[in-house]
N, C-alpha and C. Protein backbone atom coordinates (compact mmCIF):
# COMPACT_ATOMS: atom_id res chain seq x y z
N UNK A 1 3.37 0.58 -23.28
CA UNK A 1 2.69 0.13 -22.08
C UNK A 1 3.20 0.93 -20.88
N UNK A 2 2.31 1.23 -19.98
CA UNK A 2 2.64 2.01 -18.79
C UNK A 2 3.50 1.19 -17.83
N UNK A 3 4.31 1.88 -17.07
CA UNK A 3 5.09 1.24 -16.01
C UNK A 3 4.12 0.84 -14.89
N UNK A 4 4.22 -0.39 -14.38
CA UNK A 4 3.28 -0.85 -13.36
C UNK A 4 3.24 0.03 -12.11
N UNK A 5 4.40 0.45 -11.63
CA UNK A 5 4.40 1.26 -10.40
C UNK A 5 3.85 2.66 -10.66
N UNK A 6 4.13 3.22 -11.84
CA UNK A 6 3.53 4.51 -12.18
C UNK A 6 2.01 4.39 -12.24
N UNK A 7 1.55 3.31 -12.82
CA UNK A 7 0.11 3.07 -12.93
C UNK A 7 -0.52 2.91 -11.54
N UNK A 8 0.17 2.22 -10.64
CA UNK A 8 -0.34 2.04 -9.28
C UNK A 8 -0.48 3.39 -8.58
N UNK A 9 0.54 4.23 -8.69
CA UNK A 9 0.48 5.56 -8.08
C UNK A 9 -0.65 6.37 -8.71
N UNK A 10 -0.82 6.25 -10.00
CA UNK A 10 -1.91 6.94 -10.70
C UNK A 10 -3.28 6.54 -10.13
N UNK A 11 -3.46 5.24 -9.89
CA UNK A 11 -4.72 4.74 -9.33
C UNK A 11 -4.93 5.29 -7.92
N UNK A 12 -3.90 5.26 -7.09
CA UNK A 12 -4.03 5.73 -5.72
C UNK A 12 -4.24 7.25 -5.70
N UNK A 13 -3.56 7.96 -6.57
CA UNK A 13 -3.72 9.42 -6.64
C UNK A 13 -5.13 9.79 -7.13
N UNK A 14 -5.65 9.04 -8.09
CA UNK A 14 -7.02 9.29 -8.56
C UNK A 14 -8.02 9.09 -7.44
N UNK A 15 -7.76 8.14 -6.58
CA UNK A 15 -8.62 7.87 -5.44
C UNK A 15 -8.51 8.97 -4.38
N UNK A 16 -7.29 9.31 -3.99
CA UNK A 16 -7.08 10.20 -2.85
C UNK A 16 -6.91 11.66 -3.17
N UNK A 17 -6.61 11.99 -4.42
CA UNK A 17 -6.41 13.38 -4.79
C UNK A 17 -5.33 14.05 -3.95
N UNK A 18 -5.61 15.28 -3.55
CA UNK A 18 -4.64 16.04 -2.76
C UNK A 18 -4.45 15.49 -1.35
N UNK A 19 -5.33 14.60 -0.92
CA UNK A 19 -5.22 14.00 0.41
C UNK A 19 -4.15 12.91 0.47
N UNK A 20 -3.68 12.44 -0.68
CA UNK A 20 -2.66 11.40 -0.71
C UNK A 20 -1.37 11.92 -0.11
N UNK A 21 -0.82 11.17 0.83
CA UNK A 21 0.42 11.53 1.52
C UNK A 21 1.61 10.73 1.02
N UNK A 22 1.45 9.41 0.90
CA UNK A 22 2.56 8.57 0.46
C UNK A 22 2.05 7.22 -0.03
N UNK A 23 2.90 6.55 -0.84
CA UNK A 23 2.61 5.22 -1.37
C UNK A 23 3.90 4.41 -1.33
N UNK A 24 3.79 3.17 -0.82
CA UNK A 24 4.94 2.28 -0.69
C UNK A 24 4.58 0.88 -1.16
N UNK A 25 5.54 0.17 -1.70
CA UNK A 25 5.43 -1.27 -1.99
C UNK A 25 6.38 -2.00 -1.06
N UNK A 26 6.02 -3.22 -0.68
CA UNK A 26 6.95 -4.03 0.12
C UNK A 26 6.67 -5.50 -0.13
N UNK A 27 7.72 -6.28 0.05
CA UNK A 27 7.57 -7.74 0.06
C UNK A 27 8.26 -8.25 1.32
N UNK A 28 8.58 -9.53 1.36
CA UNK A 28 9.18 -10.08 2.57
C UNK A 28 10.60 -9.57 2.82
N UNK A 29 11.24 -9.01 1.80
CA UNK A 29 12.66 -8.67 1.91
C UNK A 29 12.99 -7.20 1.78
N UNK A 30 12.22 -6.45 1.04
CA UNK A 30 12.59 -5.07 0.78
C UNK A 30 11.34 -4.21 0.61
N UNK A 31 11.56 -2.93 0.41
CA UNK A 31 10.45 -2.02 0.16
C UNK A 31 10.89 -0.93 -0.81
N UNK A 32 9.89 -0.25 -1.36
CA UNK A 32 10.17 0.81 -2.33
C UNK A 32 9.19 1.96 -2.11
N UNK A 33 9.73 3.14 -2.01
CA UNK A 33 8.90 4.35 -1.94
C UNK A 33 8.50 4.72 -3.36
N UNK A 34 7.21 4.86 -3.59
CA UNK A 34 6.72 5.25 -4.91
C UNK A 34 6.35 6.72 -4.98
N UNK A 35 5.84 7.24 -3.86
CA UNK A 35 5.43 8.63 -3.83
C UNK A 35 5.41 9.11 -2.38
N UNK A 36 5.94 10.30 -2.15
CA UNK A 36 5.81 10.95 -0.84
C UNK A 36 5.58 12.44 -1.11
N UNK A 37 4.48 12.95 -0.58
CA UNK A 37 4.17 14.36 -0.72
C UNK A 37 5.25 15.18 -0.01
N UNK A 38 5.57 16.33 -0.55
CA UNK A 38 6.70 17.13 -0.07
C UNK A 38 6.62 17.42 1.44
N UNK A 39 5.46 17.83 1.94
CA UNK A 39 5.36 18.15 3.37
C UNK A 39 5.50 16.91 4.24
N UNK A 40 5.11 15.76 3.72
CA UNK A 40 5.23 14.50 4.46
C UNK A 40 6.69 14.04 4.47
N UNK A 41 7.40 14.28 3.37
CA UNK A 41 8.81 13.89 3.29
C UNK A 41 9.62 14.52 4.42
N UNK A 42 9.31 15.77 4.75
CA UNK A 42 10.03 16.45 5.84
C UNK A 42 9.83 15.73 7.17
N UNK A 43 8.61 15.28 7.42
CA UNK A 43 8.30 14.57 8.67
C UNK A 43 8.96 13.19 8.69
N UNK A 44 9.00 12.53 7.54
CA UNK A 44 9.56 11.18 7.46
C UNK A 44 11.07 11.14 7.68
N UNK A 45 11.72 12.29 7.59
CA UNK A 45 13.16 12.33 7.87
C UNK A 45 13.48 11.82 9.27
N UNK A 46 12.53 11.97 10.19
CA UNK A 46 12.74 11.56 11.58
C UNK A 46 12.15 10.19 11.90
N UNK A 47 11.69 9.47 10.88
CA UNK A 47 11.04 8.17 11.08
C UNK A 47 11.93 7.07 10.53
N UNK A 48 12.04 5.98 11.25
CA UNK A 48 12.79 4.81 10.77
C UNK A 48 11.86 3.99 9.87
N UNK A 49 11.91 4.26 8.59
CA UNK A 49 11.02 3.61 7.63
C UNK A 49 11.20 2.10 7.63
N UNK A 50 12.43 1.63 7.77
CA UNK A 50 12.67 0.18 7.79
C UNK A 50 11.86 -0.50 8.90
N UNK A 51 11.82 0.11 10.08
CA UNK A 51 11.06 -0.46 11.19
C UNK A 51 9.56 -0.42 10.89
N UNK A 52 9.10 0.67 10.33
CA UNK A 52 7.67 0.77 9.97
C UNK A 52 7.27 -0.31 8.97
N UNK A 53 8.08 -0.49 7.94
CA UNK A 53 7.76 -1.50 6.92
C UNK A 53 7.87 -2.90 7.51
N UNK A 54 8.87 -3.13 8.36
CA UNK A 54 8.97 -4.44 9.03
C UNK A 54 7.69 -4.77 9.77
N UNK A 55 7.12 -3.79 10.44
CA UNK A 55 5.86 -4.01 11.15
C UNK A 55 4.75 -4.40 10.17
N UNK A 56 4.72 -3.78 9.01
CA UNK A 56 3.69 -4.10 8.02
C UNK A 56 3.85 -5.50 7.45
N UNK A 57 5.05 -6.02 7.48
CA UNK A 57 5.29 -7.38 6.98
C UNK A 57 4.53 -8.44 7.79
N UNK A 58 4.20 -8.13 9.03
CA UNK A 58 3.38 -9.06 9.80
C UNK A 58 2.05 -9.32 9.10
N UNK A 59 1.68 -8.40 8.24
CA UNK A 59 0.44 -8.57 7.49
C UNK A 59 0.43 -9.79 6.60
N UNK A 60 1.60 -10.24 6.17
CA UNK A 60 1.65 -11.47 5.37
C UNK A 60 1.13 -12.65 6.19
N UNK A 61 1.46 -12.65 7.48
CA UNK A 61 1.02 -13.74 8.37
C UNK A 61 -0.42 -13.53 8.80
N UNK A 62 -0.75 -12.32 9.25
CA UNK A 62 -2.10 -12.09 9.75
C UNK A 62 -3.14 -12.23 8.65
N UNK A 63 -2.76 -11.90 7.43
CA UNK A 63 -3.69 -12.07 6.30
C UNK A 63 -4.09 -13.53 6.16
N UNK A 64 -3.11 -14.42 6.24
CA UNK A 64 -3.41 -15.86 6.15
C UNK A 64 -4.26 -16.30 7.34
N UNK A 65 -3.99 -15.75 8.52
CA UNK A 65 -4.79 -16.08 9.70
C UNK A 65 -6.24 -15.65 9.49
N UNK A 66 -6.44 -14.43 9.02
CA UNK A 66 -7.80 -13.94 8.79
C UNK A 66 -8.53 -14.82 7.78
N UNK A 67 -7.81 -15.27 6.76
CA UNK A 67 -8.43 -16.11 5.73
C UNK A 67 -8.96 -17.42 6.32
N UNK A 68 -8.31 -17.92 7.37
CA UNK A 68 -8.77 -19.18 7.97
C UNK A 68 -9.79 -18.96 9.08
N UNK A 69 -9.79 -17.79 9.70
CA UNK A 69 -10.69 -17.52 10.82
C UNK A 69 -12.09 -17.06 10.40
N UNK A 70 -12.17 -16.34 9.32
CA UNK A 70 -13.43 -15.70 8.96
C UNK A 70 -14.03 -16.32 7.71
N UNK A 71 -15.32 -16.13 7.56
CA UNK A 71 -16.04 -16.69 6.42
C UNK A 71 -15.92 -15.83 5.16
N UNK A 72 -15.30 -14.67 5.27
CA UNK A 72 -15.12 -13.76 4.13
C UNK A 72 -13.63 -13.58 3.87
N UNK A 73 -13.29 -13.17 2.66
CA UNK A 73 -11.89 -12.95 2.29
C UNK A 73 -11.37 -11.63 2.87
N UNK A 74 -10.13 -11.67 3.36
CA UNK A 74 -9.45 -10.45 3.81
C UNK A 74 -9.20 -9.57 2.59
N UNK A 75 -9.43 -8.27 2.72
CA UNK A 75 -9.17 -7.35 1.62
C UNK A 75 -8.12 -6.29 1.98
N UNK A 76 -8.30 -5.60 3.08
CA UNK A 76 -7.38 -4.52 3.43
C UNK A 76 -7.45 -4.22 4.92
N UNK A 77 -6.45 -3.47 5.39
CA UNK A 77 -6.41 -2.98 6.76
C UNK A 77 -6.40 -1.46 6.69
N UNK A 78 -7.17 -0.83 7.56
CA UNK A 78 -7.22 0.62 7.64
C UNK A 78 -6.88 1.01 9.08
N UNK A 79 -5.92 1.93 9.23
CA UNK A 79 -5.51 2.38 10.57
C UNK A 79 -5.66 3.90 10.65
N UNK A 80 -6.21 4.34 11.76
CA UNK A 80 -6.35 5.77 11.97
C UNK A 80 -5.30 6.29 12.93
N UNK A 81 -4.61 7.33 12.53
CA UNK A 81 -3.62 8.01 13.36
C UNK A 81 -4.05 9.47 13.51
N UNK A 82 -3.44 10.18 14.44
CA UNK A 82 -3.85 11.56 14.70
C UNK A 82 -3.66 12.47 13.49
N UNK A 83 -2.71 12.16 12.63
CA UNK A 83 -2.41 13.02 11.49
C UNK A 83 -2.88 12.45 10.15
N UNK A 84 -3.16 11.15 10.09
CA UNK A 84 -3.47 10.53 8.80
C UNK A 84 -4.18 9.20 8.99
N UNK A 85 -4.66 8.67 7.87
CA UNK A 85 -5.25 7.33 7.82
C UNK A 85 -4.35 6.50 6.91
N UNK A 86 -4.03 5.28 7.33
CA UNK A 86 -3.17 4.40 6.55
C UNK A 86 -3.97 3.20 6.03
N UNK A 87 -3.79 2.93 4.75
CA UNK A 87 -4.43 1.82 4.06
C UNK A 87 -3.35 0.81 3.69
N UNK A 88 -3.62 -0.49 3.94
CA UNK A 88 -2.67 -1.53 3.53
C UNK A 88 -3.44 -2.67 2.90
N UNK A 89 -2.92 -3.15 1.78
CA UNK A 89 -3.49 -4.33 1.13
C UNK A 89 -2.37 -5.12 0.49
N UNK A 90 -2.73 -6.24 -0.11
CA UNK A 90 -1.74 -7.09 -0.75
C UNK A 90 -2.20 -7.45 -2.15
N UNK A 91 -1.26 -7.41 -3.08
CA UNK A 91 -1.48 -7.95 -4.42
C UNK A 91 -0.91 -9.36 -4.38
N UNK A 92 -1.70 -10.33 -4.79
CA UNK A 92 -1.31 -11.73 -4.65
C UNK A 92 -1.88 -12.52 -5.82
N UNK A 93 -1.02 -13.27 -6.48
CA UNK A 93 -1.49 -14.13 -7.57
C UNK A 93 -1.27 -15.61 -7.27
N UNK A 94 -0.98 -15.92 -6.01
CA UNK A 94 -0.71 -17.29 -5.63
C UNK A 94 0.76 -17.64 -5.64
N UNK A 95 1.55 -16.88 -6.37
CA UNK A 95 3.00 -17.10 -6.43
C UNK A 95 3.77 -15.92 -5.84
N UNK A 96 3.33 -14.73 -6.15
CA UNK A 96 4.00 -13.51 -5.71
C UNK A 96 3.04 -12.71 -4.84
N UNK A 97 3.58 -12.21 -3.72
CA UNK A 97 2.79 -11.36 -2.83
C UNK A 97 3.53 -10.05 -2.62
N UNK A 98 2.83 -8.96 -2.87
CA UNK A 98 3.41 -7.63 -2.70
C UNK A 98 2.43 -6.80 -1.89
N UNK A 99 2.95 -6.15 -0.85
CA UNK A 99 2.12 -5.28 -0.03
C UNK A 99 2.11 -3.87 -0.58
N UNK A 100 1.00 -3.19 -0.41
CA UNK A 100 0.83 -1.80 -0.82
C UNK A 100 0.37 -1.02 0.41
N UNK A 101 1.07 0.07 0.70
CA UNK A 101 0.68 0.96 1.79
C UNK A 101 0.48 2.35 1.19
N UNK A 102 -0.60 2.99 1.59
CA UNK A 102 -0.85 4.38 1.19
C UNK A 102 -1.45 5.10 2.39
N UNK A 103 -1.09 6.35 2.55
CA UNK A 103 -1.71 7.12 3.63
C UNK A 103 -2.33 8.39 3.06
N UNK A 104 -3.35 8.86 3.79
CA UNK A 104 -4.16 9.98 3.34
C UNK A 104 -4.43 10.91 4.51
N UNK A 105 -4.60 12.20 4.23
CA UNK A 105 -5.01 13.14 5.26
C UNK A 105 -6.35 12.68 5.84
N UNK A 106 -6.62 13.09 7.07
CA UNK A 106 -7.82 12.66 7.78
C UNK A 106 -9.04 13.53 7.49
N UNK A 107 -9.22 13.97 6.30
CA UNK A 107 -10.36 14.83 6.01
C UNK A 107 -11.66 14.04 5.85
N UNK A 108 -11.54 12.73 5.72
CA UNK A 108 -12.73 11.88 5.65
C UNK A 108 -13.32 11.79 4.25
N UNK A 109 -14.30 10.93 4.13
CA UNK A 109 -15.01 10.81 2.87
C UNK A 109 -14.43 9.83 1.88
N UNK A 110 -13.29 9.24 2.16
CA UNK A 110 -12.70 8.27 1.24
C UNK A 110 -13.19 6.87 1.58
N UNK A 111 -13.56 6.11 0.57
CA UNK A 111 -14.05 4.74 0.76
C UNK A 111 -12.93 3.76 0.45
N UNK A 112 -12.33 3.13 1.46
CA UNK A 112 -11.21 2.22 1.21
C UNK A 112 -11.59 1.02 0.35
N UNK A 113 -12.84 0.62 0.36
CA UNK A 113 -13.28 -0.49 -0.49
C UNK A 113 -13.12 -0.15 -1.96
N UNK A 114 -13.33 1.10 -2.31
CA UNK A 114 -13.14 1.54 -3.70
C UNK A 114 -11.68 1.45 -4.09
N UNK A 115 -10.78 1.90 -3.21
CA UNK A 115 -9.35 1.81 -3.50
C UNK A 115 -8.92 0.36 -3.64
N UNK A 116 -9.40 -0.50 -2.76
CA UNK A 116 -9.07 -1.93 -2.86
C UNK A 116 -9.50 -2.49 -4.21
N UNK A 117 -10.71 -2.18 -4.65
CA UNK A 117 -11.20 -2.67 -5.94
C UNK A 117 -10.35 -2.14 -7.09
N UNK A 118 -9.99 -0.86 -7.03
CA UNK A 118 -9.16 -0.26 -8.09
C UNK A 118 -7.78 -0.91 -8.15
N UNK A 119 -7.18 -1.18 -7.00
CA UNK A 119 -5.87 -1.83 -6.98
C UNK A 119 -5.97 -3.27 -7.46
N UNK A 120 -7.02 -3.95 -7.08
CA UNK A 120 -7.23 -5.33 -7.53
C UNK A 120 -7.37 -5.38 -9.05
N UNK A 121 -8.01 -4.38 -9.62
CA UNK A 121 -8.15 -4.32 -11.08
C UNK A 121 -6.81 -4.22 -11.79
N UNK A 122 -5.79 -3.69 -11.12
CA UNK A 122 -4.46 -3.60 -11.73
C UNK A 122 -3.90 -4.97 -12.09
N UNK A 123 -4.37 -6.01 -11.40
CA UNK A 123 -3.89 -7.37 -11.71
C UNK A 123 -4.35 -7.82 -13.09
N UNK A 124 -5.34 -7.14 -13.66
CA UNK A 124 -5.76 -7.44 -15.02
C UNK A 124 -4.82 -6.80 -16.04
N UNK A 125 -4.14 -5.73 -15.63
CA UNK A 125 -3.21 -5.03 -16.51
C UNK A 125 -1.78 -5.56 -16.40
N UNK A 126 -1.39 -5.98 -15.19
CA UNK A 126 -0.01 -6.36 -14.92
C UNK A 126 0.05 -7.62 -14.08
N UNK A 127 1.12 -8.37 -14.25
CA UNK A 127 1.38 -9.50 -13.35
C UNK A 127 1.82 -8.94 -12.00
N UNK A 128 1.45 -9.59 -10.92
CA UNK A 128 1.83 -9.12 -9.58
C UNK A 128 3.35 -9.01 -9.47
N UNK A 129 4.08 -9.90 -10.10
CA UNK A 129 5.54 -9.86 -10.03
C UNK A 129 6.11 -8.54 -10.56
N UNK A 130 5.36 -7.84 -11.41
CA UNK A 130 5.83 -6.56 -11.93
C UNK A 130 5.81 -5.45 -10.87
N UNK A 131 5.17 -5.72 -9.74
CA UNK A 131 5.13 -4.75 -8.65
C UNK A 131 6.16 -5.05 -7.57
N UNK A 132 6.97 -6.08 -7.75
CA UNK A 132 7.98 -6.42 -6.75
C UNK A 132 8.85 -5.20 -6.48
N UNK A 133 8.97 -4.79 -5.23
CA UNK A 133 9.70 -3.56 -4.92
C UNK A 133 11.19 -3.67 -5.21
N UNK A 134 11.74 -2.55 -5.60
CA UNK A 134 13.17 -2.41 -5.82
C UNK A 134 13.66 -1.45 -4.75
N UNK A 135 14.61 -1.87 -3.96
CA UNK A 135 15.09 -1.06 -2.84
C UNK A 135 15.65 0.26 -3.35
N UNK A 136 15.16 1.35 -2.77
CA UNK A 136 15.66 2.67 -3.08
C UNK A 136 16.01 3.36 -1.78
N UNK A 137 16.78 4.40 -1.86
CA UNK A 137 17.09 5.18 -0.65
C UNK A 137 15.85 5.94 -0.25
N UNK A 138 15.49 5.83 1.01
CA UNK A 138 14.30 6.51 1.50
C UNK A 138 14.65 7.92 1.85
């Protein structure tokens, strides 16, 4: 059987191809880098990843807020930056919640709804708890 995190990166890479910049998992306590493209790794040396991931943790709260405010289910957040586009979603089985962040070059043409569906399908292969991040050195 495939490793869950390897499979997740495979799904995101199949979606983004060469435009994929990085992939991260996070929960309420820690985070794990799964993939960082070489040219992006150089730029991230000057970024406080802990602070960036802490900011993404607010998504655990805002996701619940969106679920109560709107008539449709929250699926993902997409943010545009001058150098890249960032996608964030959550894997959730009612007991375990794990956030997924991936960023892509701004060349356009990627449908985030497709990535969300592909990541959601991973829950059929693996329990969400299998994606719980393991702290690694960034």
